[in-house]
């Protein structure tokens, strides 16, 4: 069995990783779905990580006999194992990818010791950003809330409040709002929003326009003012403006 570094070094595209003065972080993706597995590891390699991907917990354990990864990105439920148990076996931080809905599963996974939880479907850029943050901060903890004026977005629980009153959003609307808020004031093109808030190979520019329309309507109804704080920038995209609050 090859070591983690040997497999990563021989992976397609590994010779094109960006140069860095720091030792690249080792990230292991464990995902049964082959297409999603490939897309995730390719995106993580773009950030300069030494990333490898396998389809089962058994393969992960075999691969990491000599050296544990710095971060595990794993589907919650694996054949004869779970992401949490695998992280304990490997002795590393873990981002759990879950398909379960509702707040309770997220709270349960975090209470069990997950460093972060992402609900499927999720955007590639959101995953990449969370990996960067977790690798940078170690186990100190992730940012839990983003506040812009009276609007608060609770990232881990995926809840939005306006003046402490809940705003009900769909998972896609929530992801879209996060993309517009990080950071607020930045113009995001439709293609950027697709990468940030849609899963791979899904959606299109019209999907973005439709979701922006529904998000605006809900934020307006919640009391955020005309347009819900979201402005259209002609021939560029959309921006969430603090000035509109």
C-alpha atoms as a PDB file:
ATOM      1  CA  UNK A   1       0.000   0.000   0.000  1.00  0.00           C
ATOM      2  CA  UNK A   2       1.393   3.383  -1.008  1.00  0.00           C
ATOM      3  CA  UNK A   3       1.744   6.130   1.548  1.00  0.00           C
ATOM      4  CA  UNK A   4      -0.521   9.187   1.507  1.00  0.00           C
ATOM      5  CA  UNK A   5       2.248  11.356   0.029  1.00  0.00           C
ATOM      6  CA  UNK A   6       3.026   8.815  -2.704  1.00  0.00           C
ATOM      7  CA  UNK A   7      -0.586   8.665  -3.817  1.00  0.00           C
ATOM      8  CA  UNK A   8      -0.937  12.430  -3.730  1.00  0.00           C
ATOM      9  CA  UNK A   9       2.299  12.999  -5.619  1.00  0.00           C
ATOM     10  CA  UNK A  10       1.200  10.677  -8.395  1.00  0.00           C
ATOM     11  CA  UNK A  11      -2.304  12.177  -8.632  1.00  0.00           C
ATOM     12  CA  UNK A  12      -3.198  13.930 -11.901  1.00  0.00           C
ATOM     13  CA  UNK A  13      -2.534  17.646 -11.689  1.00  0.00           C
ATOM     14  CA  UNK A  14      -0.497  17.405  -8.487  1.00  0.00           C
ATOM     15  CA  UNK A  15       2.564  18.856 -10.217  1.00  0.00           C
ATOM     16  CA  UNK A  16       0.586  22.035 -10.887  1.00  0.00           C
ATOM     17  CA  UNK A  17      -0.123  22.851  -7.232  1.00  0.00           C
ATOM     18  CA  UNK A  18       0.619  26.473  -6.300  1.00  0.00           C
ATOM     19  CA  UNK A  19       4.011  26.980  -4.694  1.00  0.00           C
ATOM     20  CA  UNK A  20       3.962  27.845  -0.989  1.00  0.00           C
ATOM     21  CA  UNK A  21       6.527  28.506   1.701  1.00  0.00           C
ATOM     22  CA  UNK A  22       4.501  26.446   4.171  1.00  0.00           C
ATOM     23  CA  UNK A  23       4.053  22.699   4.240  1.00  0.00           C
ATOM     24  CA  UNK A  24       0.794  21.937   2.387  1.00  0.00           C
ATOM     25  CA  UNK A  25      -2.013  20.593   4.527  1.00  0.00           C
ATOM     26  CA  UNK A  26      -3.043  16.964   4.075  1.00  0.00           C
ATOM     27  CA  UNK A  27      -6.772  16.650   3.412  1.00  0.00           C
ATOM     28  CA  UNK A  28      -8.548  13.330   2.958  1.00  0.00           C
ATOM     29  CA  UNK A  29     -11.974  13.147   1.312  1.00  0.00           C
ATOM     30  CA  UNK A  30     -14.116  10.090   2.039  1.00  0.00           C
ATOM     31  CA  UNK A  31     -17.222  10.063  -0.139  1.00  0.00           C
ATOM     32  CA  UNK A  32     -18.965   6.988  -1.620  1.00  0.00           C
ATOM     33  CA  UNK A  33     -20.245   8.870  -4.690  1.00  0.00           C
ATOM     34  CA  UNK A  34     -17.393   8.792  -7.247  1.00  0.00           C
ATOM     35  CA  UNK A  35     -18.293  11.968  -9.164  1.00  0.00           C
ATOM     36  CA  UNK A  36     -18.697  14.096  -6.042  1.00  0.00           C
ATOM     37  CA  UNK A  37     -15.505  12.588  -4.618  1.00  0.00           C
ATOM     38  CA  UNK A  38     -13.526  13.621  -7.688  1.00  0.00           C
ATOM     39  CA  UNK A  39     -14.965  17.139  -7.818  1.00  0.00           C
ATOM     40  CA  UNK A  40     -14.221  17.752  -4.125  1.00  0.00           C
ATOM     41  CA  UNK A  41     -10.604  16.617  -4.253  1.00  0.00           C
ATOM     42  CA  UNK A  42      -9.925  18.602  -7.430  1.00  0.00           C
ATOM     43  CA  UNK A  43     -11.266  21.770  -5.792  1.00  0.00           C
ATOM     44  CA  UNK A  44      -9.170  21.258  -2.652  1.00  0.00           C
ATOM     45  CA  UNK A  45      -6.021  20.759  -4.742  1.00  0.00           C
ATOM     46  CA  UNK A  46      -6.630  24.171  -6.298  1.00  0.00           C
ATOM     47  CA  UNK A  47      -5.975  25.665  -2.849  1.00  0.00           C
ATOM     48  CA  UNK A  48      -2.612  23.896  -2.681  1.00  0.00           C
ATOM     49  CA  UNK A  49      -3.652  21.142  -0.293  1.00  0.00           C
ATOM     50  CA  UNK A  50      -2.240  17.639  -0.573  1.00  0.00           C
ATOM     51  CA  UNK A  51      -5.654  16.113  -1.155  1.00  0.00           C
ATOM     52  CA  UNK A  52      -6.593  12.482  -1.682  1.00  0.00           C
ATOM     53  CA  UNK A  53      -9.995  10.834  -2.013  1.00  0.00           C
ATOM     54  CA  UNK A  54     -11.307   7.356  -1.253  1.00  0.00           C
ATOM     55  CA  UNK A  55     -14.757   5.811  -1.235  1.00  0.00           C
ATOM     56  CA  UNK A  56     -14.828   3.946   2.077  1.00  0.00           C
ATOM     57  CA  UNK A  57     -13.631   4.092   5.671  1.00  0.00           C
ATOM     58  CA  UNK A  58     -11.586   0.922   5.178  1.00  0.00           C
ATOM     59  CA  UNK A  59      -9.663   2.521   2.305  1.00  0.00           C
ATOM     60  CA  UNK A  60      -9.120   5.632   4.441  1.00  0.00           C
ATOM     61  CA  UNK A  61      -7.638   3.637   7.312  1.00  0.00           C
ATOM     62  CA  UNK A  62      -5.359   1.697   4.939  1.00  0.00           C
ATOM     63  CA  UNK A  63      -4.185   4.900   3.283  1.00  0.00           C
ATOM     64  CA  UNK A  64      -3.394   6.633   6.564  1.00  0.00           C
ATOM     65  CA  UNK A  65      -1.514   3.856   8.378  1.00  0.00           C
ATOM     66  CA  UNK A  66       1.756   5.803   8.269  1.00  0.00           C
ATOM     67  CA  UNK A  67       0.468   9.346   8.712  1.00  0.00           C
ATOM     68  CA  UNK A  68      -2.902  10.868   9.617  1.00  0.00           C
ATOM     69  CA  UNK A  69      -4.379  13.722   7.569  1.00  0.00           C
ATOM     70  CA  UNK A  70      -4.658  17.234   8.965  1.00  0.00           C
ATOM     71  CA  UNK A  71      -8.319  17.303   8.020  1.00  0.00           C
ATOM     72  CA  UNK A  72     -10.933  14.726   7.097  1.00  0.00           C
ATOM     73  CA  UNK A  73     -13.866  15.678   4.854  1.00  0.00           C
ATOM     74  CA  UNK A  74     -16.278  12.788   5.040  1.00  0.00           C
ATOM     75  CA  UNK A  75     -19.829  11.755   4.264  1.00  0.00           C
ATOM     76  CA  UNK A  76     -21.666  11.244   7.538  1.00  0.00           C
ATOM     77  CA  UNK A  77     -22.739   7.652   6.887  1.00  0.00           C
ATOM     78  CA  UNK A  78     -20.161   5.196   5.542  1.00  0.00           C
ATOM     79  CA  UNK A  79     -20.256   1.460   4.991  1.00  0.00           C
ATOM     80  CA  UNK A  80     -19.773  -0.149   8.422  1.00  0.00           C
ATOM     81  CA  UNK A  81     -18.622   3.176   9.865  1.00  0.00           C
ATOM     82  CA  UNK A  82     -19.432   6.868  10.337  1.00  0.00           C
ATOM     83  CA  UNK A  83     -17.488  10.081   9.755  1.00  0.00           C
ATOM     84  CA  UNK A  84     -17.223  10.707  13.496  1.00  0.00           C
ATOM     85  CA  UNK A  85     -15.824   7.260  14.294  1.00  0.00           C
ATOM     86  CA  UNK A  86     -13.416   7.474  11.373  1.00  0.00           C
ATOM     87  CA  UNK A  87     -12.126  10.860  12.574  1.00  0.00           C
ATOM     88  CA  UNK A  88     -11.497   9.338  16.002  1.00  0.00           C
ATOM     89  CA  UNK A  89      -9.639   6.425  14.412  1.00  0.00           C
ATOM     90  CA  UNK A  90      -7.453   8.758  12.364  1.00  0.00           C
ATOM     91  CA  UNK A  91      -7.033  11.315  15.145  1.00  0.00           C
ATOM     92  CA  UNK A  92      -7.819  14.371  13.017  1.00  0.00           C
ATOM     93  CA  UNK A  93     -10.298  17.217  12.619  1.00  0.00           C
ATOM     94  CA  UNK A  94     -13.392  16.473  10.552  1.00  0.00           C
ATOM     95  CA  UNK A  95     -15.931  18.268   8.396  1.00  0.00           C
ATOM     96  CA  UNK A  96     -19.015  16.069   8.180  1.00  0.00           C
ATOM     97  CA  UNK A  97     -21.125  16.100   5.003  1.00  0.00           C
ATOM     98  CA  UNK A  98     -24.690  15.219   5.936  1.00  0.00           C
ATOM     99  CA  UNK A  99     -27.843  14.691   3.884  1.00  0.00           C
ATOM    100  CA  UNK A 100     -30.129  14.985   6.917  1.00  0.00           C
ATOM    101  CA  UNK A 101     -32.417  17.994   7.228  1.00  0.00           C
ATOM    102  CA  UNK A 102     -33.385  19.987  10.285  1.00  0.00           C
ATOM    103  CA  UNK A 103     -31.417  21.557  13.110  1.00  0.00           C
ATOM    104  CA  UNK A 104     -31.272  18.514  15.388  1.00  0.00           C
ATOM    105  CA  UNK A 105     -28.818  16.446  13.290  1.00  0.00           C
ATOM    106  CA  UNK A 106     -26.443  19.424  13.031  1.00  0.00           C
ATOM    107  CA  UNK A 107     -26.544  20.035  16.762  1.00  0.00           C
ATOM    108  CA  UNK A 108     -26.058  16.326  17.449  1.00  0.00           C
ATOM    109  CA  UNK A 109     -22.992  16.077  15.188  1.00  0.00           C
ATOM    110  CA  UNK A 110     -21.439  19.207  16.704  1.00  0.00           C
ATOM    111  CA  UNK A 111     -22.093  17.881  20.216  1.00  0.00           C
ATOM    112  CA  UNK A 112     -20.399  14.626  19.210  1.00  0.00           C
ATOM    113  CA  UNK A 113     -17.274  16.602  18.343  1.00  0.00           C
ATOM    114  CA  UNK A 114     -17.549  17.443  14.643  1.00  0.00           C
ATOM    115  CA  UNK A 115     -15.398  20.477  13.856  1.00  0.00           C
ATOM    116  CA  UNK A 116     -17.869  21.590  11.206  1.00  0.00           C
ATOM    117  CA  UNK A 117     -20.948  20.266   9.410  1.00  0.00           C
ATOM    118  CA  UNK A 118     -22.105  20.914   5.846  1.00  0.00           C
ATOM    119  CA  UNK A 119     -25.528  19.890   4.633  1.00  0.00           C
ATOM    120  CA  UNK A 120     -25.829  18.494   1.110  1.00  0.00           C
ATOM    121  CA  UNK A 121     -26.217  20.051  -1.371  1.00  0.00           C
ATOM    122  CA  UNK A 122     -23.527  22.644  -0.755  1.00  0.00           C
ATOM    123  CA  UNK A 123     -21.344  24.940  -2.861  1.00  0.00           C
ATOM    124  CA  UNK A 124     -17.745  23.996  -3.640  1.00  0.00           C
ATOM    125  CA  UNK A 125     -16.463  27.405  -2.583  1.00  0.00           C
ATOM    126  CA  UNK A 126     -18.246  27.148   0.750  1.00  0.00           C
ATOM    127  CA  UNK A 127     -16.522  23.836   1.444  1.00  0.00           C
ATOM    128  CA  UNK A 128     -13.144  25.211   0.347  1.00  0.00           C
ATOM    129  CA  UNK A 129     -13.540  28.252   2.604  1.00  0.00           C
ATOM    130  CA  UNK A 130     -14.490  26.146   5.608  1.00  0.00           C
ATOM    131  CA  UNK A 131     -11.491  23.885   5.021  1.00  0.00           C
ATOM    132  CA  UNK A 132      -9.161  26.882   4.868  1.00  0.00           C
ATOM    133  CA  UNK A 133     -10.628  28.326   8.048  1.00  0.00           C
ATOM    134  CA  UNK A 134     -10.441  25.081   9.974  1.00  0.00           C
ATOM    135  CA  UNK A 135      -6.898  24.336   8.870  1.00  0.00           C
ATOM    136  CA  UNK A 136      -5.850  27.870   9.790  1.00  0.00           C
ATOM    137  CA  UNK A 137      -7.488  27.922  13.195  1.00  0.00           C
ATOM    138  CA  UNK A 138      -6.849  24.322  14.158  1.00  0.00           C
ATOM    139  CA  UNK A 139      -9.339  23.326  16.835  1.00  0.00           C
ATOM    140  CA  UNK A 140      -9.827  26.830  18.206  1.00  0.00           C
ATOM    141  CA  UNK A 141     -13.263  26.985  16.643  1.00  0.00           C
ATOM    142  CA  UNK A 142     -15.080  28.298  13.582  1.00  0.00           C
ATOM    143  CA  UNK A 143     -16.910  31.563  13.088  1.00  0.00           C
ATOM    144  CA  UNK A 144     -20.467  30.841  14.129  1.00  0.00           C
ATOM    145  CA  UNK A 145     -22.264  34.054  13.172  1.00  0.00           C
ATOM    146  CA  UNK A 146     -22.124  36.867  10.621  1.00  0.00           C
ATOM    147  CA  UNK A 147     -23.886  40.115  11.580  1.00  0.00           C
ATOM    148  CA  UNK A 148     -24.668  43.008   9.219  1.00  0.00           C
ATOM    149  CA  UNK A 149     -26.718  45.670  10.940  1.00  0.00           C
ATOM    150  CA  UNK A 150     -29.861  44.025  12.349  1.00  0.00           C
ATOM    151  CA  UNK A 151     -29.364  40.939  10.156  1.00  0.00           C
ATOM    152  CA  UNK A 152     -27.645  37.945  11.761  1.00  0.00           C
ATOM    153  CA  UNK A 153     -26.722  34.719   9.956  1.00  0.00           C
ATOM    154  CA  UNK A 154     -25.935  31.745  12.193  1.00  0.00           C
ATOM    155  CA  UNK A 155     -23.641  29.643  10.009  1.00  0.00           C
ATOM    156  CA  UNK A 156     -23.565  26.328  11.859  1.00  0.00           C
ATOM    157  CA  UNK A 157     -27.284  26.193  12.648  1.00  0.00           C
ATOM    158  CA  UNK A 158     -28.185  27.716   9.268  1.00  0.00           C
ATOM    159  CA  UNK A 159     -30.587  30.176  10.817  1.00  0.00           C
ATOM    160  CA  UNK A 160     -31.243  33.829   9.938  1.00  0.00           C
ATOM    161  CA  UNK A 161     -32.660  36.474  12.244  1.00  0.00           C
ATOM    162  CA  UNK A 162     -33.597  40.101  11.631  1.00  0.00           C
ATOM    163  CA  UNK A 163     -33.806  42.242  14.765  1.00  0.00           C
ATOM    164  CA  UNK A 164     -33.817  38.927  16.691  1.00  0.00           C
ATOM    165  CA  UNK A 165     -36.848  37.637  14.778  1.00  0.00           C
ATOM    166  CA  UNK A 166     -36.409  34.448  12.670  1.00  0.00           C
ATOM    167  CA  UNK A 167     -36.405  34.656   8.877  1.00  0.00           C
ATOM    168  CA  UNK A 168     -37.389  31.391   7.183  1.00  0.00           C
ATOM    169  CA  UNK A 169     -35.178  30.592   4.168  1.00  0.00           C
ATOM    170  CA  UNK A 170     -34.749  27.497   2.026  1.00  0.00           C
ATOM    171  CA  UNK A 171     -31.285  25.838   2.012  1.00  0.00           C
ATOM    172  CA  UNK A 172     -30.535  27.389  -1.389  1.00  0.00           C
ATOM    173  CA  UNK A 173     -31.647  30.856  -0.273  1.00  0.00           C
ATOM    174  CA  UNK A 174     -29.489  30.530   2.840  1.00  0.00           C
ATOM    175  CA  UNK A 175     -26.422  29.565   0.788  1.00  0.00           C
ATOM    176  CA  UNK A 176     -27.089  32.456  -1.592  1.00  0.00           C
ATOM    177  CA  UNK A 177     -27.350  34.939   1.281  1.00  0.00           C
ATOM    178  CA  UNK A 178     -24.063  33.668   2.738  1.00  0.00           C
ATOM    179  CA  UNK A 179     -22.374  34.136  -0.633  1.00  0.00           C
ATOM    180  CA  UNK A 180     -23.584  37.735  -0.802  1.00  0.00           C
ATOM    181  CA  UNK A 181     -22.563  38.481   2.787  1.00  0.00           C
ATOM    182  CA  UNK A 182     -18.972  37.227   2.617  1.00  0.00           C
ATOM    183  CA  UNK A 183     -18.024  39.998   2.530  1.00  0.00           C
ATOM    184  CA  UNK A 184     -20.993  42.388   2.327  1.00  0.00           C
ATOM    185  CA  UNK A 185     -20.687  45.080  -0.326  1.00  0.00           C
ATOM    186  CA  UNK A 186     -18.804  42.908  -2.822  1.00  0.00           C
ATOM    187  CA  UNK A 187     -20.358  42.507  -6.263  1.00  0.00           C
ATOM    188  CA  UNK A 188     -20.863  38.833  -7.106  1.00  0.00           C
ATOM    189  CA  UNK A 189     -21.403  37.711 -10.683  1.00  0.00           C
ATOM    190  CA  UNK A 190     -23.968  35.045 -11.471  1.00  0.00           C
ATOM    191  CA  UNK A 191     -21.184  32.537 -12.170  1.00  0.00           C
ATOM    192  CA  UNK A 192     -19.577  33.282  -8.801  1.00  0.00           C
ATOM    193  CA  UNK A 193     -22.890  32.782  -7.031  1.00  0.00           C
ATOM    194  CA  UNK A 194     -23.371  29.482  -8.844  1.00  0.00           C
ATOM    195  CA  UNK A 195     -19.971  28.270  -7.585  1.00  0.00           C
ATOM    196  CA  UNK A 196     -20.625  29.499  -4.059  1.00  0.00           C
ATOM    197  CA  UNK A 197     -24.234  28.461  -3.499  1.00  0.00           C
ATOM    198  CA  UNK A 198     -25.040  25.628  -5.921  1.00  0.00           C
ATOM    199  CA  UNK A 199     -23.708  22.058  -6.006  1.00  0.00           C
ATOM    200  CA  UNK A 200     -21.491  21.055  -8.950  1.00  0.00           C
ATOM    201  CA  UNK A 201     -23.105  20.708 -12.389  1.00  0.00           C
ATOM    202  CA  UNK A 202     -26.447  22.198 -11.342  1.00  0.00           C
ATOM    203  CA  UNK A 203     -28.237  25.465 -11.903  1.00  0.00           C
ATOM    204  CA  UNK A 204     -27.569  28.294 -14.318  1.00  0.00           C
ATOM    205  CA  UNK A 205     -27.779  32.105 -14.555  1.00  0.00           C
ATOM    206  CA  UNK A 206     -31.572  31.991 -14.619  1.00  0.00           C
ATOM    207  CA  UNK A 207     -31.568  29.883 -11.465  1.00  0.00           C
ATOM    208  CA  UNK A 208     -29.544  32.613  -9.758  1.00  0.00           C
ATOM    209  CA  UNK A 209     -31.982  35.330 -10.868  1.00  0.00           C
ATOM    210  CA  UNK A 210     -34.959  33.303  -9.641  1.00  0.00           C
ATOM    211  CA  UNK A 211     -33.419  32.606  -6.245  1.00  0.00           C
ATOM    212  CA  UNK A 212     -32.311  36.230  -5.813  1.00  0.00           C
ATOM    213  CA  UNK A 213     -35.899  37.297  -6.505  1.00  0.00           C
ATOM    214  CA  UNK A 214     -37.338  34.980  -3.844  1.00  0.00           C
ATOM    215  CA  UNK A 215     -34.597  35.901  -1.351  1.00  0.00           C
ATOM    216  CA  UNK A 216     -35.278  39.608  -1.877  1.00  0.00           C
ATOM    217  CA  UNK A 217     -39.004  39.052  -1.350  1.00  0.00           C
ATOM    218  CA  UNK A 218     -38.486  37.180   1.909  1.00  0.00           C
ATOM    219  CA  UNK A 219     -36.025  39.736   3.289  1.00  0.00           C
ATOM    220  CA  UNK A 220     -38.379  42.560   2.306  1.00  0.00           C
ATOM    221  CA  UNK A 221     -41.288  40.837   4.049  1.00  0.00           C
ATOM    222  CA  UNK A 222     -39.105  40.398   7.133  1.00  0.00           C
ATOM    223  CA  UNK A 223     -38.613  44.181   7.237  1.00  0.00           C
ATOM    224  CA  UNK A 224     -35.221  44.718   5.587  1.00  0.00           C
ATOM    225  CA  UNK A 225     -36.496  47.390   3.218  1.00  0.00           C
ATOM    226  CA  UNK A 226     -36.984  47.559  -0.544  1.00  0.00           C
ATOM    227  CA  UNK A 227     -34.948  44.914  -2.318  1.00  0.00           C
ATOM    228  CA  UNK A 228     -34.032  43.202   0.938  1.00  0.00           C
ATOM    229  CA  UNK A 229     -30.608  44.841   0.885  1.00  0.00           C
ATOM    230  CA  UNK A 230     -29.744  43.179  -2.442  1.00  0.00           C
ATOM    231  CA  UNK A 231     -29.007  45.487  -5.375  1.00  0.00           C
ATOM    232  CA  UNK A 232     -28.514  44.601  -9.017  1.00  0.00           C
ATOM    233  CA  UNK A 233     -25.280  45.907 -10.525  1.00  0.00           C
ATOM    234  CA  UNK A 234     -25.835  46.198 -14.261  1.00  0.00           C
ATOM    235  CA  UNK A 235     -23.792  43.762 -16.388  1.00  0.00           C
ATOM    236  CA  UNK A 236     -21.930  42.580 -13.267  1.00  0.00           C
ATOM    237  CA  UNK A 237     -24.224  40.773 -10.868  1.00  0.00           C
ATOM    238  CA  UNK A 238     -25.582  41.340  -7.388  1.00  0.00           C
ATOM    239  CA  UNK A 239     -24.438  43.026  -4.197  1.00  0.00           C
ATOM    240  CA  UNK A 240     -25.672  43.055  -0.616  1.00  0.00           C
ATOM    241  CA  UNK A 241     -25.378  46.665   0.512  1.00  0.00           C
ATOM    242  CA  UNK A 242     -25.332  47.759   4.147  1.00  0.00           C
ATOM    243  CA  UNK A 243     -26.513  51.187   2.979  1.00  0.00           C
ATOM    244  CA  UNK A 244     -29.877  49.668   2.034  1.00  0.00           C
ATOM    245  CA  UNK A 245     -30.592  48.446   5.562  1.00  0.00           C
END
